[in-house]
PDB file of all heavy atoms in Angstrom:
ATOM      1  N   ARG A   1     112.414  83.963 192.141  1.00  0.00           N
ATOM      2  CA  ARG A   1     111.886  82.706 192.656  1.00  0.00           C
ATOM      3  C   ARG A   1     111.506  81.827 191.489  1.00  0.00           C
ATOM      4  O   ARG A   1     110.581  82.175 190.730  1.00  0.00           O
ATOM      5  CB  ARG A   1     110.683  82.953 193.566  1.00  0.00           C
ATOM      6  CG  ARG A   1     110.227  81.689 194.295  1.00  0.00           C
ATOM      7  CD  ARG A   1     108.896  81.924 194.930  1.00  0.00           C
ATOM      8  NE  ARG A   1     108.581  80.928 195.941  1.00  0.00           N
ATOM      9  CZ  ARG A   1     107.327  80.577 196.259  1.00  0.00           C
ATOM     10  NH1 ARG A   1     106.295  81.148 195.668  1.00  0.00           N
ATOM     11  NH2 ARG A   1     107.115  79.660 197.203  1.00  0.00           N
ATOM     12  N   LEU A   2     112.185  80.740 191.346  1.00  0.00           N
ATOM     13  CA  LEU A   2     111.843  79.788 190.294  1.00  0.00           C
ATOM     14  C   LEU A   2     110.884  78.727 190.823  1.00  0.00           C
ATOM     15  O   LEU A   2     110.945  78.339 191.983  1.00  0.00           O
ATOM     16  CB  LEU A   2     113.093  79.073 189.778  1.00  0.00           C
ATOM     17  CG  LEU A   2     114.232  79.957 189.258  1.00  0.00           C
ATOM     18  CD1 LEU A   2     115.359  79.071 188.700  1.00  0.00           C
ATOM     19  CD2 LEU A   2     113.750  80.941 188.214  1.00  0.00           C
ATOM     20  N   SER A   3     109.995  78.312 189.965  1.00  0.00           N
ATOM     21  CA  SER A   3     109.040  77.256 190.292  1.00  0.00           C
ATOM     22  C   SER A   3     109.205  76.096 189.345  1.00  0.00           C
ATOM     23  O   SER A   3     109.506  76.266 188.183  1.00  0.00           O
ATOM     24  CB  SER A   3     107.597  77.810 190.182  1.00  0.00           C
ATOM     25  OG  SER A   3     107.384  78.852 191.081  1.00  0.00           O
ATOM     26  N   CYS A   4     108.964  74.914 189.869  1.00  0.00           N
ATOM     27  CA  CYS A   4     108.994  73.698 189.078  1.00  0.00           C
ATOM     28  C   CYS A   4     107.651  72.993 189.371  1.00  0.00           C
ATOM     29  O   CYS A   4     107.400  72.521 190.474  1.00  0.00           O
ATOM     30  CB  CYS A   4     110.148  72.786 189.503  1.00  0.00           C
ATOM     31  SG  CYS A   4     110.221  71.188 188.686  1.00  0.00           S
ATOM     32  N   ALA A   5     106.781  72.993 188.346  1.00  0.00           N
ATOM     33  CA  ALA A   5     105.466  72.407 188.477  1.00  0.00           C
ATOM     34  C   ALA A   5     105.479  70.991 187.900  1.00  0.00           C
ATOM     35  O   ALA A   5     105.874  70.812 186.744  1.00  0.00           O
ATOM     36  CB  ALA A   5     104.428  73.265 187.741  1.00  0.00           C
ATOM     37  N   ALA A   6     105.090  70.037 188.725  1.00  0.00           N
ATOM     38  CA  ALA A   6     105.042  68.654 188.272  1.00  0.00           C
ATOM     39  C   ALA A   6     103.597  68.248 187.969  1.00  0.00           C
ATOM     40  O   ALA A   6     102.650  68.706 188.618  1.00  0.00           O
ATOM     41  CB  ALA A   6     105.585  67.739 189.373  1.00  0.00           C
ATOM     42  N   SER A   7     103.462  67.423 186.965  1.00  0.00           N
ATOM     43  CA  SER A   7     102.138  66.907 186.586  1.00  0.00           C
ATOM     44  C   SER A   7     102.281  65.432 186.173  1.00  0.00           C
ATOM     45  O   SER A   7     103.322  64.962 185.818  1.00  0.00           O
ATOM     46  CB  SER A   7     101.545  67.734 185.458  1.00  0.00           C
ATOM     47  OG  SER A   7     102.339  67.662 184.295  1.00  0.00           O
ATOM     48  N   GLY A   8     101.152  64.766 186.242  1.00  0.00           N
ATOM     49  CA  GLY A   8     101.076  63.366 185.797  1.00  0.00           C
ATOM     50  C   GLY A   8     101.280  62.367 186.917  1.00  0.00           C
ATOM     51  O   GLY A   8     100.727  61.278 186.862  1.00  0.00           O
ATOM     52  N   VAL A   9     102.093  62.742 187.886  1.00  0.00           N
ATOM     53  CA  VAL A   9     102.424  61.828 188.988  1.00  0.00           C
ATOM     54  C   VAL A   9     102.622  62.664 190.260  1.00  0.00           C
ATOM     55  O   VAL A   9     103.172  63.769 190.178  1.00  0.00           O
ATOM     56  CB  VAL A   9     103.701  61.029 188.699  1.00  0.00           C
ATOM     57  CG1 VAL A   9     104.104  60.171 189.917  1.00  0.00           C
ATOM     58  CG2 VAL A   9     103.550  60.146 187.466  1.00  0.00           C
ATOM     59  N   LYS A  10     102.191  62.190 191.392  1.00  0.00           N
ATOM     60  CA  LYS A  10     102.503  62.888 192.642  1.00  0.00           C
ATOM     61  C   LYS A  10     103.966  62.714 192.940  1.00  0.00           C
ATOM     62  O   LYS A  10     104.532  61.634 192.854  1.00  0.00           O
ATOM     63  CB  LYS A  10     101.664  62.289 193.779  1.00  0.00           C
ATOM     64  CG  LYS A  10     100.181  62.562 193.665  1.00  0.00           C
ATOM     65  CD  LYS A  10      99.872  64.068 193.800  1.00  0.00           C
ATOM     66  CE  LYS A  10     100.049  64.595 195.205  1.00  0.00           C
ATOM     67  NZ  LYS A  10      99.680  66.028 195.313  1.00  0.00           N
ATOM     68  N   ILE A  11     104.630  63.820 193.329  1.00  0.00           N
ATOM     69  CA  ILE A  11     106.096  63.804 193.497  1.00  0.00           C
ATOM     70  C   ILE A  11     106.521  63.505 194.930  1.00  0.00           C
ATOM     71  O   ILE A  11     107.676  63.739 195.279  1.00  0.00           O
ATOM     72  CB  ILE A  11     106.702  65.121 193.037  1.00  0.00           C
ATOM     73  CG1 ILE A  11     106.112  66.314 193.829  1.00  0.00           C
ATOM     74  CG2 ILE A  11     106.468  65.315 191.548  1.00  0.00           C
ATOM     75  CD1 ILE A  11     106.861  67.620 193.585  1.00  0.00           C
ATOM     76  N   THR A  12     105.628  63.000 195.723  1.00  0.00           N
ATOM     77  CA  THR A  12     105.892  62.795 197.139  1.00  0.00           C
ATOM     78  C   THR A  12     107.183  62.017 197.395  1.00  0.00           C
ATOM     79  O   THR A  12     107.923  62.288 198.320  1.00  0.00           O
ATOM     80  CB  THR A  12     104.723  62.078 197.827  1.00  0.00           C
ATOM     81  OG1 THR A  12     103.526  62.748 197.507  1.00  0.00           O
ATOM     82  CG2 THR A  12     104.924  62.018 199.318  1.00  0.00           C
ATOM     83  N   TYR A  13     107.463  61.028 196.572  1.00  0.00           N
ATOM     84  CA  TYR A  13     108.639  60.161 196.775  1.00  0.00           C
ATOM     85  C   TYR A  13     109.784  60.469 195.814  1.00  0.00           C
ATOM     86  O   TYR A  13     110.733  59.714 195.728  1.00  0.00           O
ATOM     87  CB  TYR A  13     108.214  58.700 196.660  1.00  0.00           C
ATOM     88  CG  TYR A  13     107.165  58.312 197.658  1.00  0.00           C
ATOM     89  CD1 TYR A  13     105.835  58.069 197.273  1.00  0.00           C
ATOM     90  CD2 TYR A  13     107.453  58.214 199.006  1.00  0.00           C
ATOM     91  CE1 TYR A  13     104.862  57.722 198.177  1.00  0.00           C
ATOM     92  CE2 TYR A  13     106.490  57.869 199.939  1.00  0.00           C
ATOM     93  CZ  TYR A  13     105.173  57.636 199.519  1.00  0.00           C
ATOM     94  OH  TYR A  13     104.228  57.324 200.438  1.00  0.00           O
ATOM     95  N   TYR A  14     109.684  61.595 195.163  1.00  0.00           N
ATOM     96  CA  TYR A  14     110.709  61.990 194.217  1.00  0.00           C
ATOM     97  C   TYR A  14     111.689  63.014 194.808  1.00  0.00           C
ATOM     98  O   TYR A  14     111.225  64.026 195.401  1.00  0.00           O
ATOM     99  CB  TYR A  14     110.106  62.612 192.972  1.00  0.00           C
ATOM    100  CG  TYR A  14     109.515  61.624 191.979  1.00  0.00           C
ATOM    101  CD1 TYR A  14     108.246  61.094 192.176  1.00  0.00           C
ATOM    102  CD2 TYR A  14     110.215  61.257 190.833  1.00  0.00           C
ATOM    103  CE1 TYR A  14     107.706  60.211 191.270  1.00  0.00           C
ATOM    104  CE2 TYR A  14     109.665  60.396 189.912  1.00  0.00           C
ATOM    105  CZ  TYR A  14     108.394  59.875 190.162  1.00  0.00           C
ATOM    106  OH  TYR A  14     107.875  59.002 189.245  1.00  0.00           O
ATOM    107  N   ALA A  15     112.965  62.774 194.686  1.00  0.00           N
ATOM    108  CA  ALA A  15     113.918  63.848 194.954  1.00  0.00           C
ATOM    109  C   ALA A  15     113.860  64.783 193.741  1.00  0.00           C
ATOM    110  O   ALA A  15     113.754  64.328 192.605  1.00  0.00           O
ATOM    111  CB  ALA A  15     115.322  63.272 195.096  1.00  0.00           C
ATOM    112  N   ILE A  16     113.991  66.062 194.032  1.00  0.00           N
ATOM    113  CA  ILE A  16     113.996  67.071 192.965  1.00  0.00           C
ATOM    114  C   ILE A  16     115.288  67.860 193.084  1.00  0.00           C
ATOM    115  O   ILE A  16     115.707  68.231 194.177  1.00  0.00           O
ATOM    116  CB  ILE A  16     112.809  68.052 193.135  1.00  0.00           C
ATOM    117  CG1 ILE A  16     111.479  67.282 193.195  1.00  0.00           C
ATOM    118  CG2 ILE A  16     112.794  69.072 191.998  1.00  0.00           C
ATOM    119  CD1 ILE A  16     111.074  66.568 191.926  1.00  0.00           C
ATOM    120  N   GLY A  17     115.881  68.117 191.961  1.00  0.00           N
ATOM    121  CA  GLY A  17     117.093  68.928 191.916  1.00  0.00           C
ATOM    122  C   GLY A  17     116.951  70.085 190.929  1.00  0.00           C
ATOM    123  O   GLY A  17     116.240  69.989 189.933  1.00  0.00           O
ATOM    124  N   TRP A  18     117.599  71.184 191.294  1.00  0.00           N
ATOM    125  CA  TRP A  18     117.751  72.311 190.367  1.00  0.00           C
ATOM    126  C   TRP A  18     119.207  72.236 189.863  1.00  0.00           C
ATOM    127  O   TRP A  18     120.161  72.159 190.662  1.00  0.00           O
ATOM    128  CB  TRP A  18     117.509  73.626 191.063  1.00  0.00           C
ATOM    129  CG  TRP A  18     116.080  73.902 191.294  1.00  0.00           C
ATOM    130  CD1 TRP A  18     115.369  73.732 192.463  1.00  0.00           C
ATOM    131  CD2 TRP A  18     115.147  74.477 190.358  1.00  0.00           C
ATOM    132  NE1 TRP A  18     114.053  74.120 192.300  1.00  0.00           N
ATOM    133  CE2 TRP A  18     113.885  74.586 191.002  1.00  0.00           C
ATOM    134  CE3 TRP A  18     115.245  74.883 189.013  1.00  0.00           C
ATOM    135  CZ2 TRP A  18     112.762  75.101 190.380  1.00  0.00           C
ATOM    136  CZ3 TRP A  18     114.109  75.393 188.405  1.00  0.00           C
ATOM    137  CH2 TRP A  18     112.885  75.483 189.077  1.00  0.00           C
ATOM    138  N   PHE A  19     119.349  72.349 188.563  1.00  0.00           N
ATOM    139  CA  PHE A  19     120.620  72.366 187.893  1.00  0.00           C
ATOM    140  C   PHE A  19     120.643  73.601 186.996  1.00  0.00           C
ATOM    141  O   PHE A  19     119.624  74.138 186.633  1.00  0.00           O
ATOM    142  CB  PHE A  19     120.839  71.076 187.103  1.00  0.00           C
ATOM    143  CG  PHE A  19     120.828  69.840 187.976  1.00  0.00           C
ATOM    144  CD1 PHE A  19     119.625  69.260 188.324  1.00  0.00           C
ATOM    145  CD2 PHE A  19     122.003  69.245 188.391  1.00  0.00           C
ATOM    146  CE1 PHE A  19     119.599  68.127 189.141  1.00  0.00           C
ATOM    147  CE2 PHE A  19     121.970  68.116 189.192  1.00  0.00           C
ATOM    148  CZ  PHE A  19     120.771  67.549 189.562  1.00  0.00           C
ATOM    149  N   ARG A  20     121.838  74.013 186.581  1.00  0.00           N
ATOM    150  CA  ARG A  20     121.955  75.138 185.681  1.00  0.00           C
ATOM    151  C   ARG A  20     123.073  74.924 184.685  1.00  0.00           C
ATOM    152  O   ARG A  20     124.015  74.191 184.974  1.00  0.00           O
ATOM    153  CB  ARG A  20     122.138  76.447 186.456  1.00  0.00           C
ATOM    154  CG  ARG A  20     123.481  76.583 187.160  1.00  0.00           C
ATOM    155  CD  ARG A  20     123.494  77.827 188.011  1.00  0.00           C
ATOM    156  NE  ARG A  20     124.781  77.984 188.715  1.00  0.00           N
ATOM    157  CZ  ARG A  20     125.008  78.954 189.611  1.00  0.00           C
ATOM    158  NH1 ARG A  20     124.063  79.814 189.935  1.00  0.00           N
ATOM    159  NH2 ARG A  20     126.215  79.025 190.182  1.00  0.00           N
ATOM    160  N   GLN A  21     122.898  75.551 183.566  1.00  0.00           N
ATOM    161  CA  GLN A  21     123.944  75.474 182.514  1.00  0.00           C
ATOM    162  C   GLN A  21     124.146  76.836 181.894  1.00  0.00           C
ATOM    163  O   GLN A  21     123.212  77.419 181.321  1.00  0.00           O
ATOM    164  CB  GLN A  21     123.583  74.464 181.440  1.00  0.00           C
ATOM    165  CG  GLN A  21     124.691  74.194 180.463  1.00  0.00           C
ATOM    166  CD  GLN A  21     124.478  72.981 179.606  1.00  0.00           C
ATOM    167  OE1 GLN A  21     123.350  72.508 179.453  1.00  0.00           O
ATOM    168  NE2 GLN A  21     125.549  72.416 179.039  1.00  0.00           N
ATOM    169  N   ALA A  22     125.328  77.347 182.052  1.00  0.00           N
ATOM    170  CA  ALA A  22     125.686  78.627 181.444  1.00  0.00           C
ATOM    171  C   ALA A  22     126.280  78.382 180.063  1.00  0.00           C
ATOM    172  O   ALA A  22     126.800  77.301 179.795  1.00  0.00           O
ATOM    173  CB  ALA A  22     126.694  79.372 182.341  1.00  0.00           C
ATOM    174  N   PRO A  23     126.222  79.397 179.189  1.00  0.00           N
ATOM    175  CA  PRO A  23     126.793  79.221 177.840  1.00  0.00           C
ATOM    176  C   PRO A  23     128.233  78.791 177.885  1.00  0.00           C
ATOM    177  O   PRO A  23     129.062  79.369 178.612  1.00  0.00           O
ATOM    178  CB  PRO A  23     126.656  80.622 177.226  1.00  0.00           C
ATOM    179  CG  PRO A  23     125.525  81.242 177.968  1.00  0.00           C
ATOM    180  CD  PRO A  23     125.615  80.709 179.370  1.00  0.00           C
ATOM    181  N   GLY A  24     128.552  77.733 177.159  1.00  0.00           N
ATOM    182  CA  GLY A  24     129.905  77.261 177.061  1.00  0.00           C
ATOM    183  C   GLY A  24     130.388  76.452 178.257  1.00  0.00           C
ATOM    184  O   GLY A  24     131.555  76.076 178.332  1.00  0.00           O
ATOM    185  N   LYS A  25     129.483  76.221 179.208  1.00  0.00           N
ATOM    186  CA  LYS A  25     129.871  75.469 180.427  1.00  0.00           C
ATOM    187  C   LYS A  25     129.028  74.215 180.537  1.00  0.00           C
ATOM    188  O   LYS A  25     127.950  74.095 179.983  1.00  0.00           O
ATOM    189  CB  LYS A  25     129.714  76.335 181.644  1.00  0.00           C
ATOM    190  CG  LYS A  25     130.645  77.546 181.680  1.00  0.00           C
ATOM    191  CD  LYS A  25     130.527  78.245 183.016  1.00  0.00           C
ATOM    192  CE  LYS A  25     131.543  79.430 183.081  1.00  0.00           C
ATOM    193  NZ  LYS A  25     131.468  80.134 184.384  1.00  0.00           N
ATOM    194  N   GLU A  26     129.535  73.292 181.353  1.00  0.00           N
ATOM    195  CA  GLU A  26     128.792  72.072 181.626  1.00  0.00           C
ATOM    196  C   GLU A  26     127.653  72.381 182.602  1.00  0.00           C
ATOM    197  O   GLU A  26     127.707  73.309 183.393  1.00  0.00           O
ATOM    198  CB  GLU A  26     129.721  70.999 182.189  1.00  0.00           C
ATOM    199  CG  GLU A  26     130.745  70.487 181.220  1.00  0.00           C
ATOM    200  CD  GLU A  26     131.502  69.305 181.792  1.00  0.00           C
ATOM    201  OE1 GLU A  26     131.320  68.944 182.966  1.00  0.00           O
ATOM    202  OE2 GLU A  26     132.289  68.728 181.053  1.00  0.00           O
ATOM    203  N   ARG A  27     126.625  71.530 182.538  1.00  0.00           N
ATOM    204  CA  ARG A  27     125.542  71.679 183.514  1.00  0.00           C
ATOM    205  C   ARG A  27     126.070  71.341 184.922  1.00  0.00           C
ATOM    206  O   ARG A  27     126.834  70.408 185.101  1.00  0.00           O
ATOM    207  CB  ARG A  27     124.405  70.754 183.132  1.00  0.00           C
ATOM    208  CG  ARG A  27     123.138  70.929 183.971  1.00  0.00           C
ATOM    209  CD  ARG A  27     121.896  70.460 183.245  1.00  0.00           C
ATOM    210  NE  ARG A  27     122.007  69.125 182.737  1.00  0.00           N
ATOM    211  CZ  ARG A  27     121.155  68.594 181.850  1.00  0.00           C
ATOM    212  NH1 ARG A  27     120.152  69.342 181.420  1.00  0.00           N
ATOM    213  NH2 ARG A  27     121.318  67.385 181.412  1.00  0.00           N
ATOM    214  N   GLU A  28     125.658  72.130 185.888  1.00  0.00           N
ATOM    215  CA  GLU A  28     126.098  71.945 187.254  1.00  0.00           C
ATOM    216  C   GLU A  28     124.921  71.908 188.208  1.00  0.00           C
ATOM    217  O   GLU A  28     123.882  72.453 187.937  1.00  0.00           O
ATOM    218  CB  GLU A  28     127.055  73.054 187.673  1.00  0.00           C
ATOM    219  CG  GLU A  28     126.449  74.445 187.707  1.00  0.00           C
ATOM    220  CD  GLU A  28     127.406  75.475 188.233  1.00  0.00           C
ATOM    221  OE1 GLU A  28     128.501  75.163 188.656  1.00  0.00           O
ATOM    222  OE2 GLU A  28     127.009  76.687 188.195  1.00  0.00           O
TER     223      GLU A  28
END
């Protein structure tokens, strides 16, 4: 289970995405 903790601003109106990048590959 990955967590993404936001600070500084309330994220209520923000879309959030998870992306990943494997060695030698583009981020997806």
